[in-house]
Protein backbone atom coordinates (compact mmCIF):
# COMPACT_ATOMS: atom_id res chain seq x y z
CA MET A 1 83.69 99.27 93.26
CA SER A 2 83.47 95.86 91.42
CA VAL A 3 84.34 92.95 92.58
CA SER A 4 86.96 92.45 90.56
CA ALA A 5 89.07 95.69 91.64
CA ARG A 6 88.51 94.17 95.01
CA LYS A 7 90.44 90.80 93.74
CA VAL A 8 93.22 92.63 91.73
CA GLY A 9 93.61 94.67 95.54
CA VAL A 10 93.97 91.50 97.58
CA ILE A 11 96.30 89.37 94.98
CA GLY A 12 98.92 92.00 94.24
CA LEU A 13 98.85 93.03 97.87
CA GLY A 14 99.59 89.71 98.90
CA ALA A 15 101.93 89.23 96.20
CA THR A 16 103.48 92.61 97.05
CA LEU A 17 103.78 91.70 100.72
CA ALA A 18 105.52 88.68 100.53
CA ALA A 19 108.21 90.22 97.83
CA VAL A 20 108.67 93.19 100.29
CA CYS A 21 109.13 91.00 103.30
CA ALA A 22 111.53 88.42 101.45
CA LEU A 23 113.50 91.25 100.43
CA VAL A 24 113.61 93.66 103.65
CA LEU A 25 113.91 90.39 105.91
CA ALA A 26 116.77 88.84 103.94
CA PRO A 27 120.10 88.37 106.75
CA SER A 28 122.10 90.54 105.12
CA HIS A 29 122.36 93.32 102.71
CA PRO A 30 122.39 92.55 99.02
CA ASP A 31 126.08 93.11 97.62
CA VAL A 32 126.37 96.84 97.28
CA GLY A 33 129.37 97.17 95.51
CA ALA A 34 128.49 95.20 92.42
CA LEU A 35 125.25 96.69 92.39
CA TRP A 36 127.05 100.13 92.36
CA SER A 37 129.34 99.21 89.36
CA ASP A 38 125.42 98.21 87.62
CA ILE A 39 123.95 101.73 88.59
CA GLU A 40 127.45 103.63 87.46
CA ARG A 41 127.20 101.80 83.89
CA THR A 42 123.62 102.68 83.33
CA ALA A 43 123.99 106.05 84.57
CA ALA A 44 126.48 106.98 82.23
CA PRO A 45 124.13 107.52 79.15
CA LEU A 46 121.23 108.87 81.60
CA GLU A 47 122.92 112.35 82.99
CA ARG A 48 124.52 112.40 78.93
CA LEU A 49 120.53 112.91 78.60
CA GLY A 50 120.27 115.53 80.71
CA LEU A 51 119.40 113.52 84.45
CA PRO A 52 121.65 115.39 86.97
CA SER A 53 124.35 113.35 88.48
CA SER A 54 123.23 114.23 91.69
CA LEU A 55 120.29 111.98 91.20
CA MET A 56 122.53 108.84 91.46
CA ARG A 57 124.51 109.49 94.45
CA PRO A 58 124.14 106.00 96.63
CA GLY A 59 121.93 107.70 98.97
CA VAL A 60 119.35 109.30 96.94
CA LEU A 61 118.47 105.46 95.06
CA GLU A 62 118.53 104.09 98.63
CA PHE A 63 115.57 106.49 99.70
CA GLY A 64 113.74 106.21 95.76
CA SER A 65 114.24 102.65 95.70
CA ASN A 66 112.14 102.80 99.38
CA ILE A 67 109.63 104.39 98.16
CA LEU A 68 109.00 102.81 94.74
CA MET A 69 109.35 99.60 97.07
CA PHE A 70 106.01 100.55 98.89
CA VAL A 71 103.83 102.43 96.01
CA PRO A 72 102.43 98.86 94.95
CA LEU A 73 101.68 97.96 98.65
CA GLY A 74 99.95 101.30 99.08
CA LEU A 75 98.18 100.78 95.43
CA PHE A 76 96.86 97.19 96.09
CA GLY A 77 96.01 98.03 99.58
CA ALA A 78 94.05 100.93 98.95
CA LEU A 79 91.87 98.63 95.70
CA ALA A 80 91.50 95.88 98.74
CA LEU A 81 89.60 97.94 100.67
CA PRO A 82 86.73 99.99 100.54
CA ARG A 83 87.41 103.79 98.76
CA ARG A 84 86.70 105.55 101.94
CA LEU A 85 89.17 103.56 104.27
CA TRP A 86 92.65 104.77 101.88
CA TRP A 87 94.10 106.47 104.83
CA LEU A 88 93.88 103.28 106.77
CA VAL A 89 96.47 101.34 103.97
CA ALA A 90 99.04 104.71 104.10
CA LEU A 91 99.00 104.07 108.44
CA ALA A 92 99.39 100.41 107.36
CA CYS A 93 102.20 100.79 105.81
CA PHE A 94 103.72 103.71 108.30
CA ALA A 95 103.27 100.66 110.52
CA LEU A 96 104.35 98.09 108.57
CA THR A 97 107.93 99.88 108.10
CA CYS A 98 108.31 100.58 111.26
CA ALA A 99 107.44 96.78 112.31
CA ILE A 100 110.49 96.01 109.34
CA GLU A 101 112.72 98.49 110.88
CA THR A 102 112.62 97.32 114.37
CA THR A 103 112.99 93.70 112.83
CA GLN A 104 116.08 94.68 111.25
CA LEU A 105 117.67 95.88 114.67
CA LEU A 106 116.71 93.34 116.87
CA LEU A 107 116.58 90.33 115.00
CA LEU A 108 119.10 91.20 111.73
CA PRO A 109 122.76 91.55 112.79
CA GLY A 110 123.48 92.18 108.99
CA ARG A 111 121.07 94.81 108.78
CA THR A 112 120.25 97.84 110.03
CA PHE A 113 117.83 100.54 111.37
CA ASP A 114 117.46 103.44 109.44
CA VAL A 115 114.72 106.23 109.93
CA THR A 116 114.95 107.43 106.27
CA ASP A 117 113.74 104.11 105.50
CA ILE A 118 110.46 104.63 107.15
CA ILE A 119 109.98 108.40 105.58
CA GLY A 120 110.79 106.93 102.01
CA ASN A 121 108.72 103.17 102.51
CA ALA A 122 105.96 105.68 104.56
CA ALA A 123 105.74 108.06 101.44
CA GLY A 124 105.72 105.35 98.96
CA GLY A 125 102.68 103.62 100.78
CA LEU A 126 100.89 106.81 101.37
CA PHE A 127 101.53 107.68 96.79
CA GLY A 128 100.57 103.97 96.53
CA ALA A 129 96.91 104.81 98.49
CA VAL A 130 96.49 107.87 97.05
CA LEU A 131 97.12 106.85 93.37
CA ALA A 132 94.50 104.50 93.91
CA TRP A 133 91.70 106.68 95.55
CA SER A 134 92.39 108.79 92.59
CA ALA A 135 91.99 106.39 90.13
CA ARG A 136 88.17 105.48 91.88
CA ALA A 137 87.67 108.91 92.06
CA ALA A 138 88.17 109.74 87.85
CA ARG A 139 86.06 106.40 87.93
CA SER A 140 83.00 107.71 89.66
CA LEU A 141 83.35 110.64 88.25
CA PHE A 142 82.96 109.42 84.32
CA SER A 143 80.73 106.20 85.26
CA GLY A 144 76.75 107.06 85.71
CA SER A 145 77.55 109.03 88.93
CA GLY A 146 79.89 111.41 86.73
CA ARG A 147 76.48 111.86 84.33
CA ARG A 148 74.98 113.59 87.07
CA VAL A 149 77.81 116.19 87.72
CA ALA A 150 78.22 117.23 84.73
CA ALA A 151 74.35 117.26 83.91
CA ALA A 152 74.31 119.69 86.97
CA ARG A 153 76.92 122.22 85.97
């Protein structure tokens, strides 16, 4: 892996980790009522285009948001490490989300502990790490080592 890819991984990981911690360790939840009215306004045109309205339920949206929030952590974390250690990033994302939810339970009375948050965050971290691994595998396939594979066929 090139040094520049590792630098991108380290910088991206640091920035994403800071943003995630700021979001999930805030003393209270965002104003869900105001957020939900914005979502309903945005969802109406999407439903007319054929998006199922069942995807616009608050629980589904929150679960999807939890997945999306951890995809960059998995992606940048896997880029920051050697390719063979991609699985370690998925494990670290799981450990991080467990620590976040425990902190919310014990130290932040305005926040709640939710097992589905752990599942969504861990899935997002795993997905991001697999994305990084796949991109690296594709890159090596089409680089110099890929030519040997093509020549062997």
